[in-house]
Amino acid sequence: MKGHIRERSPGRWAIVIDLADGDGKRRRKWHSFAGTKREAQIECARLVTILQNGDYVEPTRQSLAEFLDEWLTFVRPSVSAKTHERYTEICRKTIAPQIGSVVLAKLKTDRIDAAFSKMLEAGRSDGKGGLAPRTGHHARRVLIKALGQAVTWERLAKDPAAATTPPKVSRARMTAYDAEQTAALLDAFRQTRMFVPVLLAVMCGLRRGEIAALRWRSVDLEGRTLAVVESAEQIKGAVQYKEPKSGHARTVAMSATVVAELRAHRARQAEEQLRLGLRPAPDSFVVAQVDGTALQPRSLTHEWVRILGKTTLPRIRFHDLRHSHASQMLAAGVHPKIASERLGHSTIAITLDLYSHVMPGMQADAAEQVDAAIRRAVNAASKDVR
């Protein structure tokens, strides 16, 4: 196998590779190259080497945008509907406008880095500045995943996105309510239909989708436990149900206060439905419309923002109620492993990473407890000596 170069015009070269197919017939591969004669010779030698090693990938005219559409179709059965919706939004609204027209085979790391830099400076679709670093981070992860599939399909020899420089993402300061604020919160929401969702989030650590999917059959008021077996997600106005985020069901113990509130809520809910001629069933949702139909998860967020705005409490996200529960558990001395299981984290490392800000106080308490124990032992030993 050998190759040579031909000059087409100043700075433009044709790289010609002579090949022998399985029948012994000779054929040629032509590649266009722009650069100096020396650079063209180096590229020719590189192509000959990868052909000899069996690493050659036949270039195509498929654009990155066309490939991403193909990849989105391929990946749809293997991800959740919500994840696929997010992948589609990132591919078509974030990546494609910047580099979608680039031929897939010619996509290089420097071109992707330049596109990400431009996104962060002026990538918003409304023209009002750049995208948030976290959005750029998500776009990079999706592109790495998509181009990794291109390598598997032998469309690319390597993934050019894998070597890109990730945008610096600053972790947002976690906001949470303390015990006094939590008490004020529950009092402020008590007379609203958001009271039970707020209670389940701040006293049990349930996620928004888990609250919207919780059914009475999963609540054991006598045993003071509830089972988180599914989660609701909203896709273009429709609600779908899937397994919890960690991929596993979990059981959450309820306090006497939560049990009492849920008993009262169930009685009120049954009265409402009976007035409408409906018979409450074990399959009914704990948090539902007046007629018992399921709530859309986003409606919980909208109502949360609306009602919270009427109070003097700090403005936090609905999801931060879960953080409030976790922070209060750890500050009260609950073992991180127990907190992790209660929150439904897949590993304790996630819990420790998210709530490390609570740990310094716990470490100080632990140090004092160890010191007190040793001092007691020393004093006891001194008395024995006397």
Protein backbone atom coordinates (compact mmCIF):
# COMPACT_ATOMS: atom_id res chain seq x y z
CA MET A 1 0.00 0.00 0.00
CA LYS A 2 1.35 3.39 -0.93
CA GLY A 3 0.19 6.92 -1.55
CA HIS A 4 1.20 10.16 -3.19
CA ILE A 5 0.03 13.77 -3.44
CA ARG A 6 -0.98 15.95 -6.37
CA GLU A 7 -1.27 19.72 -6.34
CA ARG A 8 -4.67 20.91 -7.57
CA SER A 9 -4.12 24.62 -6.93
CA PRO A 10 -1.86 26.65 -4.67
CA GLY A 11 -2.31 25.27 -1.16
CA ARG A 12 -4.80 22.61 -2.30
CA TRP A 13 -3.77 18.98 -2.64
CA ALA A 14 -5.22 15.64 -3.65
CA ILE A 15 -3.98 12.72 -1.55
CA VAL A 16 -4.16 9.50 -3.54
CA ILE A 17 -3.94 6.13 -1.78
CA ASP A 18 -3.39 3.01 -3.86
CA LEU A 19 -5.27 -0.02 -2.48
CA ALA A 20 -5.62 -3.67 -3.39
CA ASP A 21 -9.05 -5.21 -2.74
CA GLY A 22 -9.79 -8.85 -1.95
CA ASP A 23 -9.75 -9.83 -5.65
CA GLY A 24 -6.28 -8.40 -6.15
CA LYS A 25 -7.61 -5.48 -8.18
CA ARG A 26 -6.10 -2.11 -7.53
CA ARG A 27 -8.22 0.90 -6.69
CA ARG A 28 -7.63 4.38 -5.35
CA LYS A 29 -8.92 6.51 -2.52
CA TRP A 30 -8.85 10.27 -3.01
CA HIS A 31 -8.74 12.82 -0.21
CA SER A 32 -8.71 16.60 -0.43
CA PHE A 33 -6.29 18.53 1.76
CA ALA A 34 -5.52 22.21 2.32
CA GLY A 35 -2.06 23.25 3.56
CA THR A 36 1.59 23.17 2.63
CA LYS A 37 3.23 20.45 0.59
CA ARG A 38 4.99 19.13 3.69
CA GLU A 39 1.71 18.98 5.63
CA ALA A 40 0.06 17.15 2.75
CA GLN A 41 2.87 14.58 2.74
CA ILE A 42 2.46 14.04 6.50
CA GLU A 43 -1.30 13.59 6.10
CA CYS A 44 -0.70 11.12 3.27
CA ALA A 45 1.64 9.07 5.47
CA ARG A 46 -0.92 9.16 8.30
CA LEU A 47 -3.70 7.87 6.03
CA VAL A 48 -1.49 5.07 4.73
CA THR A 49 -0.67 4.03 8.32
CA ILE A 50 -4.27 3.90 9.53
CA LEU A 51 -5.29 1.98 6.39
CA GLN A 52 -2.57 -0.57 7.06
CA ASN A 53 -3.65 -0.86 10.71
CA GLY A 54 -7.30 -1.34 9.79
CA ASP A 55 -8.37 1.86 11.58
CA TYR A 56 -9.53 3.70 8.49
CA VAL A 57 -13.06 5.12 8.53
CA GLU A 58 -14.67 5.86 5.19
CA PRO A 59 -15.61 9.56 5.16
CA THR A 60 -19.24 10.47 4.43
CA ARG A 61 -21.00 13.71 3.56
CA GLN A 62 -23.43 13.33 6.47
CA SER A 63 -23.61 16.53 8.53
CA LEU A 64 -23.50 16.57 12.30
CA ALA A 65 -27.15 17.71 12.44
CA GLU A 66 -28.22 14.76 10.25
CA PHE A 67 -26.24 12.36 12.41
CA LEU A 68 -27.72 13.75 15.64
CA ASP A 69 -31.24 13.21 14.28
CA GLU A 70 -30.29 9.62 13.45
CA TRP A 71 -28.78 9.14 16.91
CA LEU A 72 -31.89 10.55 18.63
CA THR A 73 -34.02 7.96 16.83
CA PHE A 74 -31.58 5.20 17.81
CA VAL A 75 -31.36 6.15 21.49
CA ARG A 76 -35.11 6.72 22.07
CA PRO A 77 -35.93 3.13 23.24
CA SER A 78 -33.07 3.06 25.76
CA VAL A 79 -33.81 6.26 27.71
CA SER A 80 -36.82 7.72 29.47
CA ALA A 81 -39.19 9.97 27.55
CA LYS A 82 -38.09 12.97 29.62
CA THR A 83 -34.43 12.27 28.96
CA HIS A 84 -35.08 11.92 25.24
CA GLU A 85 -36.99 15.19 25.23
CA ARG A 86 -34.00 16.89 26.87
CA TYR A 87 -31.53 15.26 24.44
CA THR A 88 -33.63 16.49 21.52
CA GLU A 89 -33.77 20.02 22.87
CA ILE A 90 -30.00 20.13 23.40
CA CYS A 91 -29.17 18.64 20.00
CA ARG A 92 -31.54 20.78 17.94
CA LYS A 93 -31.57 24.06 19.86
CA THR A 94 -28.08 24.21 21.33
CA ILE A 95 -25.63 22.14 19.27
CA ALA A 96 -27.08 22.15 15.74
CA PRO A 97 -27.32 25.97 15.38
CA GLN A 98 -23.58 26.22 16.10
CA ILE A 99 -21.97 23.28 14.27
CA GLY A 100 -24.83 21.27 12.79
CA SER A 101 -23.78 22.06 9.21
CA VAL A 102 -20.25 20.67 9.70
CA VAL A 103 -19.61 17.38 7.90
CA LEU A 104 -19.39 14.68 10.58
CA ALA A 105 -16.13 13.24 9.21
CA LYS A 106 -14.49 16.69 9.34
CA LEU A 107 -15.55 17.57 12.87
CA LYS A 108 -12.50 18.35 14.99
CA THR A 109 -11.95 19.09 18.65
CA ASP A 110 -10.90 22.70 18.07
CA ARG A 111 -14.08 23.38 16.09
CA ILE A 112 -16.22 22.00 18.93
CA ASP A 113 -14.31 24.00 21.56
CA ALA A 114 -14.84 27.17 19.51
CA ALA A 115 -18.56 26.39 19.24
CA PHE A 116 -18.90 25.89 23.00
CA SER A 117 -17.08 29.16 23.65
CA LYS A 118 -19.49 30.93 21.32
CA MET A 119 -22.48 29.27 23.05
CA LEU A 120 -21.35 30.61 26.40
CA GLU A 121 -20.89 34.10 25.00
CA ALA A 122 -23.92 34.45 22.73
CA GLY A 123 -25.76 31.15 22.49
CA ARG A 124 -29.23 32.07 23.74
CA SER A 125 -31.98 31.63 21.16
CA ASP A 126 -33.49 35.00 22.11
CA GLY A 127 -30.19 36.76 21.45
CA LYS A 128 -29.86 37.99 25.04
CA GLY A 129 -26.39 36.76 25.89
CA GLY A 130 -24.81 33.37 26.36
CA LEU A 131 -25.92 30.06 27.78
CA ALA A 132 -25.32 29.13 31.41
CA PRO A 133 -22.14 27.07 31.98
CA ARG A 134 -24.25 24.18 33.26
CA THR A 135 -26.22 24.15 29.99
CA GLY A 136 -22.92 24.09 28.10
CA HIS A 137 -21.79 21.23 30.33
CA HIS A 138 -24.94 19.23 29.52
CA ALA A 139 -24.50 19.93 25.79
CA ARG A 140 -20.93 18.66 25.93
CA ARG A 141 -21.99 15.45 27.69
CA VAL A 142 -24.72 14.78 25.12
CA LEU A 143 -22.34 15.42 22.21
CA ILE A 144 -19.73 13.07 23.71
CA LYS A 145 -22.39 10.38 24.06
CA ALA A 146 -23.65 10.87 20.49
CA LEU A 147 -20.21 10.92 18.88
CA GLY A 148 -19.21 7.89 20.93
CA GLN A 149 -21.97 6.07 19.08
CA ALA A 150 -20.54 7.39 15.81
CA VAL A 151 -17.25 5.69 16.72
CA THR A 152 -19.10 2.44 17.50
CA TRP A 153 -20.82 2.65 14.11
CA GLU A 154 -17.41 3.31 12.49
CA ARG A 155 -18.47 6.73 11.21
CA LEU A 156 -15.54 8.27 13.14
CA ALA A 157 -12.16 6.89 14.15
CA LYS A 158 -12.32 8.68 17.53
CA ASP A 159 -14.67 10.96 19.45
CA PRO A 160 -13.50 14.56 18.93
CA ALA A 161 -15.82 15.84 21.69
CA ALA A 162 -14.14 13.71 24.37
CA ALA A 163 -11.00 15.89 24.27
CA THR A 164 -12.85 19.21 24.50
CA THR A 165 -12.42 21.49 27.49
CA PRO A 166 -15.47 21.36 29.77
CA PRO A 167 -16.94 24.71 30.86
CA LYS A 168 -16.31 25.66 34.46
CA VAL A 169 -19.51 25.10 36.42
CA SER A 170 -19.76 26.73 39.83
CA ARG A 171 -21.89 24.79 42.25
CA ALA A 172 -24.86 26.90 43.27
CA ARG A 173 -25.17 27.54 46.98
CA MET A 174 -27.77 25.15 48.35
CA THR A 175 -30.68 26.88 50.05
CA ALA A 176 -32.78 25.20 52.71
CA TYR A 177 -35.10 26.04 55.57
CA ASP A 178 -34.16 25.47 59.18
CA ALA A 179 -36.56 23.97 61.73
CA GLU A 180 -38.18 27.31 62.65
CA GLN A 181 -38.71 28.24 59.01
CA THR A 182 -40.13 24.78 58.31
CA ALA A 183 -42.66 25.22 61.10
CA ALA A 184 -43.66 28.62 59.69
CA LEU A 185 -43.89 27.09 56.21
CA LEU A 186 -46.28 24.34 57.28
CA ASP A 187 -48.43 26.88 59.13
CA ALA A 188 -48.57 29.16 56.06
CA PHE A 189 -49.58 26.33 53.71
CA ARG A 190 -51.95 24.47 56.04
CA GLN A 191 -55.17 25.88 54.56
CA THR A 192 -54.11 25.31 50.92
CA ARG A 193 -54.17 22.27 48.64
CA MET A 194 -50.37 22.46 48.59
CA PHE A 195 -50.08 21.52 52.26
CA VAL A 196 -49.73 17.75 51.73
CA PRO A 197 -47.19 18.06 48.87
CA VAL A 198 -45.14 20.44 51.00
CA LEU A 199 -45.44 18.09 54.00
CA LEU A 200 -44.24 15.07 51.99
CA ALA A 201 -41.30 17.04 50.58
CA VAL A 202 -40.06 18.70 53.77
CA MET A 203 -40.89 15.92 56.26
CA CYS A 204 -40.23 12.81 54.12
CA GLY A 205 -37.76 14.06 51.48
CA LEU A 206 -39.87 13.01 48.46
CA ARG A 207 -39.13 14.46 45.05
CA ARG A 208 -41.81 16.37 43.13
CA GLY A 209 -42.42 13.52 40.68
CA GLU A 210 -42.62 10.99 43.51
CA ILE A 211 -45.27 13.09 45.28
CA ALA A 212 -47.35 13.39 42.11
CA ALA A 213 -47.18 9.61 41.58
CA LEU A 214 -47.86 8.51 45.18
CA ARG A 215 -51.02 6.41 45.57
CA TRP A 216 -52.88 5.41 48.73
CA ARG A 217 -52.09 1.73 48.14
CA SER A 218 -48.44 2.61 48.80
CA VAL A 219 -49.19 4.34 52.13
CA ASP A 220 -49.35 2.22 55.29
CA LEU A 221 -50.78 4.52 57.94
CA GLU A 222 -50.82 1.77 60.56
CA GLY A 223 -47.22 0.82 59.94
CA ARG A 224 -46.20 4.47 59.52
CA THR A 225 -44.43 3.86 56.19
CA LEU A 226 -44.92 4.79 52.58
CA ALA A 227 -43.41 3.08 49.55
CA VAL A 228 -41.92 5.13 46.71
CA VAL A 229 -42.40 2.84 43.72
CA GLU A 230 -42.83 5.24 40.80
CA SER A 231 -42.33 8.82 39.73
CA ALA A 232 -44.37 11.10 37.46
CA GLU A 233 -42.75 13.05 34.64
CA GLN A 234 -44.35 15.57 32.33
CA ILE A 235 -43.70 15.31 28.59
CA LYS A 236 -45.31 18.01 26.43
CA GLY A 237 -48.34 18.32 28.67
CA ALA A 238 -48.83 14.57 29.17
CA VAL A 239 -47.93 12.77 32.42
CA GLN A 240 -46.08 9.47 32.32
CA TYR A 241 -45.03 7.20 35.18
CA LYS A 242 -41.69 5.47 35.54
CA GLU A 243 -39.50 3.93 38.22
CA PRO A 244 -37.89 6.31 40.74
CA LYS A 245 -34.75 8.24 39.81
CA SER A 246 -32.37 5.78 41.49
CA GLY A 247 -34.00 2.89 39.62
CA HIS A 248 -35.13 1.24 42.86
CA ALA A 249 -38.22 1.48 45.04
CA ARG A 250 -37.70 2.53 48.65
CA THR A 251 -39.63 2.61 51.90
CA VAL A 252 -39.81 5.85 53.89
CA ALA A 253 -40.78 5.89 57.57
CA MET A 254 -43.29 8.57 58.58
CA SER A 255 -43.45 10.46 61.86
CA ALA A 256 -46.59 10.52 63.98
CA THR A 257 -47.23 14.09 62.79
CA VAL A 258 -47.12 13.11 59.11
CA VAL A 259 -49.37 10.09 59.72
CA ALA A 260 -51.95 12.24 61.54
CA GLU A 261 -51.95 14.83 58.73
CA LEU A 262 -52.35 12.15 56.06
CA ARG A 263 -55.26 10.55 57.94
CA ALA A 264 -57.05 13.91 58.05
CA HIS A 265 -56.21 14.56 54.39
CA ARG A 266 -57.58 11.18 53.32
CA ALA A 267 -60.87 11.85 55.12
CA ARG A 268 -61.24 15.27 53.48
CA GLN A 269 -60.35 13.85 50.07
CA ALA A 270 -62.92 11.06 50.41
CA GLU A 271 -65.64 13.58 51.33
CA GLU A 272 -64.82 15.69 48.27
CA GLN A 273 -64.97 12.72 45.94
CA LEU A 274 -68.19 11.34 47.46
CA ARG A 275 -69.86 14.72 46.89
CA LEU A 276 -68.95 14.29 43.21
CA GLY A 277 -70.34 10.75 43.17
CA LEU A 278 -66.92 9.13 43.15
CA ARG A 279 -65.87 6.23 45.33
CA PRO A 280 -62.32 6.51 46.75
CA ALA A 281 -60.12 3.57 45.78
CA PRO A 282 -56.72 2.28 46.95
CA ASP A 283 -55.38 3.17 43.51
CA SER A 284 -56.29 6.84 44.00
CA PHE A 285 -53.55 9.44 44.14
CA VAL A 286 -52.65 10.95 47.50
CA VAL A 287 -52.23 14.36 45.86
CA ALA A 288 -54.84 14.84 43.16
CA GLN A 289 -57.38 17.12 41.55
CA VAL A 290 -60.75 17.53 43.26
CA ASP A 291 -62.15 14.76 41.04
CA GLY A 292 -59.26 12.42 41.91
CA THR A 293 -57.41 12.74 38.62
CA ALA A 294 -53.63 12.99 38.61
CA LEU A 295 -51.81 16.30 38.96
CA GLN A 296 -49.19 17.45 36.50
CA PRO A 297 -45.84 17.77 38.29
CA ARG A 298 -45.30 21.29 36.96
CA SER A 299 -48.56 22.45 38.52
CA LEU A 300 -47.03 21.74 41.93
CA THR A 301 -44.17 24.08 41.09
CA HIS A 302 -46.50 26.82 39.84
CA GLU A 303 -48.67 26.66 42.96
CA TRP A 304 -45.60 26.56 45.19
CA VAL A 305 -44.23 29.76 43.68
CA ARG A 306 -47.62 31.49 43.82
CA ILE A 307 -48.38 30.70 47.46
CA LEU A 308 -44.82 31.15 48.73
CA GLY A 309 -44.87 34.63 47.21
CA LYS A 310 -47.60 35.60 49.67
CA THR A 311 -45.43 34.71 52.69
CA THR A 312 -42.37 36.35 54.26
CA LEU A 313 -40.29 33.16 53.95
CA PRO A 314 -37.13 33.11 51.81
CA ARG A 315 -37.83 32.24 48.17
CA ILE A 316 -36.53 28.74 47.45
CA ARG A 317 -37.39 26.06 44.89
CA PHE A 318 -39.88 23.32 45.67
CA HIS A 319 -37.02 20.81 45.32
CA ASP A 320 -35.16 22.69 48.07
CA LEU A 321 -37.75 21.38 50.56
CA ARG A 322 -36.13 17.98 50.05
CA HIS A 323 -32.74 19.59 50.71
CA SER A 324 -34.21 21.12 53.88
CA HIS A 325 -35.26 17.67 55.08
CA ALA A 326 -31.83 16.21 54.35
CA SER A 327 -29.95 19.07 56.02
CA GLN A 328 -32.10 18.87 59.13
CA MET A 329 -31.64 15.09 59.35
CA LEU A 330 -27.85 15.30 59.15
CA ALA A 331 -27.68 18.27 61.54
CA ALA A 332 -29.73 16.24 64.03
CA GLY A 333 -27.10 13.48 63.94
CA VAL A 334 -28.84 10.99 61.63
CA HIS A 335 -26.25 8.69 60.06
CA PRO A 336 -25.56 9.64 56.40
CA LYS A 337 -26.30 6.04 55.33
CA ILE A 338 -29.82 6.27 56.79
CA ALA A 339 -30.32 9.69 55.21
CA SER A 340 -29.14 8.31 51.86
CA GLU A 341 -31.65 5.45 51.99
CA ARG A 342 -34.47 7.78 53.02
CA LEU A 343 -33.71 10.22 50.19
CA GLY A 344 -33.38 7.46 47.61
CA HIS A 345 -29.80 8.22 46.58
CA SER A 346 -28.14 5.41 44.66
CA THR A 347 -24.98 5.69 46.81
CA ILE A 348 -24.04 7.31 50.11
CA ALA A 349 -21.34 9.23 48.22
CA ILE A 350 -24.06 11.35 46.58
CA THR A 351 -25.48 12.26 49.99
CA LEU A 352 -22.07 13.15 51.40
CA ASP A 353 -21.20 15.24 48.34
CA LEU A 354 -24.49 17.17 48.28
CA TYR A 355 -24.64 17.90 51.99
CA SER A 356 -20.98 18.32 52.90
CA HIS A 357 -21.83 21.83 54.11
CA VAL A 358 -23.65 20.25 57.08
CA MET A 359 -20.67 18.08 58.00
CA PRO A 360 -18.32 20.63 59.67
CA GLY A 361 -20.76 21.10 62.56
CA MET A 362 -21.23 17.34 62.86
CA GLN A 363 -17.45 16.86 62.98
CA ALA A 364 -17.13 19.45 65.74
CA ASP A 365 -19.85 17.68 67.75
CA ALA A 366 -18.12 14.34 67.18
CA ALA A 367 -14.78 15.75 68.34
CA GLU A 368 -16.38 17.09 71.55
CA GLN A 369 -18.12 13.76 72.20
CA VAL A 370 -14.87 11.81 71.77
CA ASP A 371 -13.04 14.31 73.99
CA ALA A 372 -15.70 14.02 76.70
CA ALA A 373 -15.57 10.21 76.58
CA ILE A 374 -11.77 10.18 76.96
CA ARG A 375 -11.89 12.69 79.83
CA ARG A 376 -14.43 10.51 81.64
CA ALA A 377 -12.18 7.49 81.15
CA VAL A 378 -9.12 9.40 82.41
CA ASN A 379 -11.01 10.62 85.49
CA ALA A 380 -12.25 7.11 86.24
CA ALA A 381 -8.70 5.75 85.96
CA SER A 382 -7.38 8.44 88.31
CA LYS A 383 -9.95 7.53 90.95
CA ASP A 384 -9.00 3.85 90.70
CA VAL A 385 -5.33 4.70 91.30
CA ARG A 386 -6.22 6.57 94.49
